[in-house]
Amino acid sequence: MNLIKFLYLTFLLFNLSSCNNKKEEKSFSKVTKTIKLDTIIDSDLKKIKVRSDLKNFNTIYKELSLINVYYFGYDSLIHRGQLVCHKSVANELKEIFIELYKIKFPIESVRPISLFEWNDEISMSSNNTSCFNYRTVSNSNKLSEHSKGLAIDLNPKYNPYISSKGVISPKNGEYNNKNIGTIIVDSKVISIFKDKGWKWGGNWKRSKDYQHFSKNGR
């Protein structure tokens, strides 16, 4: 490839990326009409925080993205939070949150798990929505899909994990469709994720993970 062709391709890729960003901004602007100056900022990290105890963190973190998402809060105000997710699903999650905002699905908090000392129980108990968390599946040695940033837990306090024996996680969790932000079987939330190829943990046969959406269904 000669220099002229290389420069031309570089120019095209730059403009394509710029167009995608502008398209995203326009899409959200149509939803909100105007982003108010008093939008509540729940998270404003400038870069992904890393866990110093992970030996292979360089390999892990190069696959992740830090994205801003807007949502309709429990207080009926516009909030901006952040998700850490796999790069391959970053745009999908942005689009999903735009759709969630359109239907005014209430979300209490969206903050990276690093702001909760990497502790899943603390994050869930606070009803915090999160994506990436390098951890194993409960009661196993198998890495969770969250470890890849390919799963998200939405309003976990009111969409808890319930084991086949009836054990609820988080411990203060409650699954009751009267609670704000609860996801039920016929919820529009499920179809919004499904349209992007994400599967709901509430459809699992034995245990139920009502908060959980993942790309491969696990």
Protein backbone atom coordinates (compact mmCIF):
# COMPACT_ATOMS: atom_id res chain seq x y z
CA MET A 1 0.00 0.00 0.00
CA ASN A 2 1.49 3.37 -1.00
CA LEU A 3 1.51 6.43 1.24
CA ILE A 4 -1.38 8.17 -0.55
CA LYS A 5 -3.69 5.16 -0.13
CA PHE A 6 -2.69 4.81 3.53
CA LEU A 7 -3.44 8.47 4.25
CA TYR A 8 -6.76 8.21 2.43
CA LEU A 9 -7.85 5.15 4.45
CA THR A 10 -6.77 6.85 7.68
CA PHE A 11 -8.87 9.87 6.74
CA LEU A 12 -11.92 7.67 6.05
CA LEU A 13 -11.61 5.79 9.35
CA PHE A 14 -11.25 9.03 11.31
CA ASN A 15 -14.33 10.53 9.69
CA LEU A 16 -16.32 7.31 10.18
CA SER A 17 -15.52 7.34 13.90
CA SER A 18 -16.46 11.02 14.10
CA CYS A 19 -19.76 10.37 12.31
CA ASN A 20 -20.61 7.52 14.71
CA ASN A 21 -20.01 9.78 17.72
CA LYS A 22 -22.13 12.55 16.20
CA LYS A 23 -24.86 10.03 15.36
CA GLU A 24 -24.88 8.84 18.99
CA GLU A 25 -25.12 12.42 20.26
CA LYS A 26 -27.95 13.26 17.85
CA SER A 27 -29.80 10.07 18.79
CA PHE A 28 -29.74 10.95 22.48
CA SER A 29 -30.57 14.59 21.76
CA LYS A 30 -33.74 13.49 19.99
CA VAL A 31 -34.73 11.56 23.08
CA THR A 32 -34.03 14.26 25.64
CA LYS A 33 -34.53 17.26 23.30
CA THR A 34 -31.88 19.14 25.26
CA ILE A 35 -29.46 17.87 27.87
CA LYS A 36 -30.18 20.06 30.86
CA LEU A 37 -27.32 21.73 32.67
CA ASP A 38 -28.55 20.20 35.91
CA THR A 39 -28.10 16.62 34.70
CA ILE A 40 -26.94 14.63 37.72
CA ILE A 41 -23.49 13.11 37.27
CA ASP A 42 -23.28 9.81 39.16
CA SER A 43 -19.84 8.86 37.88
CA ASP A 44 -17.14 10.87 36.13
CA LEU A 45 -14.05 8.68 35.89
CA LYS A 46 -11.52 9.71 33.26
CA LYS A 47 -10.07 6.25 32.81
CA ILE A 48 -10.68 2.67 33.88
CA LYS A 49 -9.40 1.89 37.34
CA VAL A 50 -7.37 -1.29 37.69
CA ARG A 51 -7.03 -3.89 40.39
CA SER A 52 -3.43 -4.10 41.54
CA ASP A 53 -3.88 -7.74 42.63
CA LEU A 54 -4.57 -9.03 39.11
CA LYS A 55 -1.46 -10.52 37.52
CA ASN A 56 -2.87 -10.37 33.99
CA PHE A 57 -4.58 -6.99 34.25
CA ASN A 58 -2.88 -5.62 31.12
CA THR A 59 -4.45 -8.36 29.02
CA ILE A 60 -7.83 -7.85 30.65
CA TYR A 61 -8.03 -4.07 30.56
CA LYS A 62 -6.97 -3.58 26.96
CA GLU A 63 -10.27 -5.25 25.96
CA LEU A 64 -12.43 -2.87 28.03
CA SER A 65 -14.10 0.47 27.40
CA LEU A 66 -15.36 3.14 29.80
CA ILE A 67 -18.62 4.57 28.46
CA ASN A 68 -21.01 7.29 29.56
CA VAL A 69 -24.71 6.42 29.66
CA TYR A 70 -27.76 8.56 30.40
CA TYR A 71 -30.81 7.27 32.20
CA PHE A 72 -34.05 8.15 33.94
CA GLY A 73 -33.33 8.13 37.67
CA TYR A 74 -35.45 7.01 40.60
CA ASP A 75 -35.94 10.72 41.27
CA SER A 76 -37.41 11.25 37.75
CA LEU A 77 -34.37 13.34 36.75
CA ILE A 78 -31.78 12.79 34.02
CA HIS A 79 -28.64 11.09 35.29
CA ARG A 80 -25.33 10.32 33.66
CA GLY A 81 -23.39 7.32 34.86
CA GLN A 82 -20.62 5.09 33.54
CA LEU A 83 -20.16 1.45 32.61
CA VAL A 84 -16.97 -0.52 32.09
CA CYS A 85 -17.66 -3.11 29.42
CA HIS A 86 -16.02 -5.13 26.66
CA LYS A 87 -15.17 -2.98 23.64
CA SER A 88 -17.27 -5.21 21.38
CA VAL A 89 -20.51 -4.28 23.17
CA ALA A 90 -19.84 -0.62 24.01
CA ASN A 91 -22.04 0.80 21.25
CA GLU A 92 -24.77 -1.75 21.90
CA LEU A 93 -24.98 -0.76 25.55
CA LYS A 94 -25.13 2.93 24.66
CA GLU A 95 -28.02 2.21 22.32
CA ILE A 96 -29.74 0.03 24.92
CA PHE A 97 -29.59 2.83 27.48
CA ILE A 98 -31.07 5.26 24.96
CA GLU A 99 -34.00 2.86 24.54
CA LEU A 100 -34.34 2.42 28.31
CA TYR A 101 -34.48 6.19 28.64
CA LYS A 102 -37.15 6.43 25.95
CA ILE A 103 -39.48 4.23 28.00
CA LYS A 104 -38.40 6.05 31.19
CA PHE A 105 -37.33 2.83 32.86
CA PRO A 106 -36.04 3.97 36.28
CA ILE A 107 -32.45 3.14 37.22
CA GLU A 108 -31.05 4.15 40.59
CA SER A 109 -27.29 4.20 39.99
CA VAL A 110 -24.77 3.32 37.27
CA ARG A 111 -21.22 3.37 38.59
CA PRO A 112 -18.20 1.12 37.87
CA ILE A 113 -17.59 -1.63 40.42
CA SER A 114 -14.20 -0.08 41.28
CA LEU A 115 -16.11 2.64 43.15
CA PHE A 116 -17.47 -0.10 45.43
CA GLU A 117 -14.06 -1.55 46.36
CA TRP A 118 -14.56 -4.26 43.72
CA ASN A 119 -17.17 -5.77 46.07
CA ASP A 120 -20.19 -7.16 44.24
CA GLU A 121 -22.32 -7.46 47.38
CA ILE A 122 -21.80 -3.80 48.30
CA SER A 123 -22.63 -2.70 44.75
CA MET A 124 -25.77 -4.85 44.55
CA SER A 125 -26.96 -3.87 48.01
CA SER A 126 -26.72 -0.24 46.89
CA ASN A 127 -28.90 -1.12 43.87
CA ASN A 128 -26.06 -0.13 41.58
CA THR A 129 -26.11 -1.19 37.93
CA SER A 130 -22.72 -2.42 36.71
CA CYS A 131 -21.08 -4.46 33.99
CA PHE A 132 -17.40 -5.43 34.33
CA ASN A 133 -16.22 -7.12 37.51
CA TYR A 134 -13.39 -9.64 37.52
CA ARG A 135 -14.90 -12.38 39.66
CA THR A 136 -16.06 -15.99 39.65
CA VAL A 137 -19.61 -17.28 39.44
CA SER A 138 -21.11 -17.71 42.92
CA ASN A 139 -20.12 -21.01 44.56
CA SER A 140 -17.77 -22.00 41.74
CA ASN A 141 -14.28 -21.47 40.34
CA LYS A 142 -15.58 -20.48 36.91
CA LEU A 143 -15.10 -16.91 35.79
CA SER A 144 -18.30 -14.90 35.41
CA GLU A 145 -19.27 -13.21 32.14
CA HIS A 146 -18.83 -10.01 34.11
CA SER A 147 -15.09 -10.75 34.09
CA LYS A 148 -15.14 -10.10 30.34
CA GLY A 149 -17.48 -7.12 30.53
CA LEU A 150 -20.12 -9.08 28.59
CA ALA A 151 -22.84 -9.06 31.25
CA ILE A 152 -24.72 -6.34 33.09
CA ASP A 153 -26.71 -6.35 36.34
CA LEU A 154 -29.62 -3.90 36.31
CA ASN A 155 -31.12 -2.58 39.57
CA PRO A 156 -29.84 -5.69 41.43
CA LYS A 157 -31.46 -4.93 44.78
CA TYR A 158 -34.93 -5.15 43.28
CA ASN A 159 -34.02 -7.73 40.64
CA PRO A 160 -32.04 -10.13 42.82
CA TYR A 161 -30.45 -13.47 42.10
CA ILE A 162 -32.54 -16.28 43.62
CA SER A 163 -30.91 -19.70 43.82
CA SER A 164 -32.76 -22.97 43.24
CA LYS A 165 -32.90 -23.27 47.05
CA GLY A 166 -34.42 -19.82 47.45
CA VAL A 167 -31.29 -17.99 48.67
CA ILE A 168 -31.44 -14.32 47.65
CA SER A 169 -28.48 -12.16 46.59
CA PRO A 170 -27.90 -9.40 47.55
CA LYS A 171 -28.96 -10.17 51.10
CA ASN A 172 -31.24 -7.12 51.22
CA GLY A 173 -32.73 -7.99 47.83
CA GLU A 174 -36.46 -8.25 47.21
CA TYR A 175 -38.27 -9.34 44.05
CA ASN A 176 -41.65 -7.63 44.03
CA ASN A 177 -43.18 -6.02 40.95
CA LYS A 178 -44.42 -3.17 43.14
CA ASN A 179 -40.83 -2.03 43.67
CA ILE A 180 -39.60 0.68 41.32
CA GLY A 181 -37.25 -0.55 38.59
CA THR A 182 -38.26 -4.22 38.84
CA ILE A 183 -38.01 -6.32 35.66
CA ILE A 184 -40.91 -8.71 35.11
CA VAL A 185 -41.55 -11.32 32.41
CA ASP A 186 -43.46 -9.04 30.03
CA SER A 187 -41.22 -6.00 30.65
CA LYS A 188 -40.20 -3.91 27.63
CA VAL A 189 -36.69 -3.94 29.11
CA ILE A 190 -36.27 -7.58 28.15
CA SER A 191 -37.18 -6.99 24.51
CA ILE A 192 -34.83 -3.97 24.33
CA PHE A 193 -31.90 -6.18 25.37
CA LYS A 194 -33.14 -9.07 23.22
CA ASP A 195 -33.14 -6.88 20.10
CA LYS A 196 -29.39 -6.48 20.61
CA GLY A 197 -28.82 -10.19 21.21
CA TRP A 198 -28.67 -10.10 25.03
CA LYS A 199 -30.37 -12.80 27.11
CA TRP A 200 -32.15 -12.39 30.46
CA GLY A 201 -31.24 -14.37 33.59
CA GLY A 202 -34.89 -14.36 34.63
CA ASN A 203 -35.47 -17.06 32.02
CA TRP A 204 -33.08 -19.52 33.62
CA LYS A 205 -34.76 -22.84 34.48
CA ARG A 206 -33.50 -23.45 38.02
CA SER A 207 -32.03 -20.37 39.64
CA LYS A 208 -33.30 -16.95 38.56
CA ASP A 209 -31.05 -13.94 38.01
CA TYR A 210 -33.55 -11.17 37.39
CA GLN A 211 -30.90 -8.43 37.29
CA HIS A 212 -28.67 -10.21 34.79
CA PHE A 213 -28.37 -9.74 31.02
CA SER A 214 -25.52 -11.33 29.07
CA LYS A 215 -24.47 -11.91 25.49
CA ASN A 216 -24.27 -15.71 25.72
CA GLY A 217 -27.09 -16.29 28.22
CA ARG A 218 -24.81 -17.34 31.07
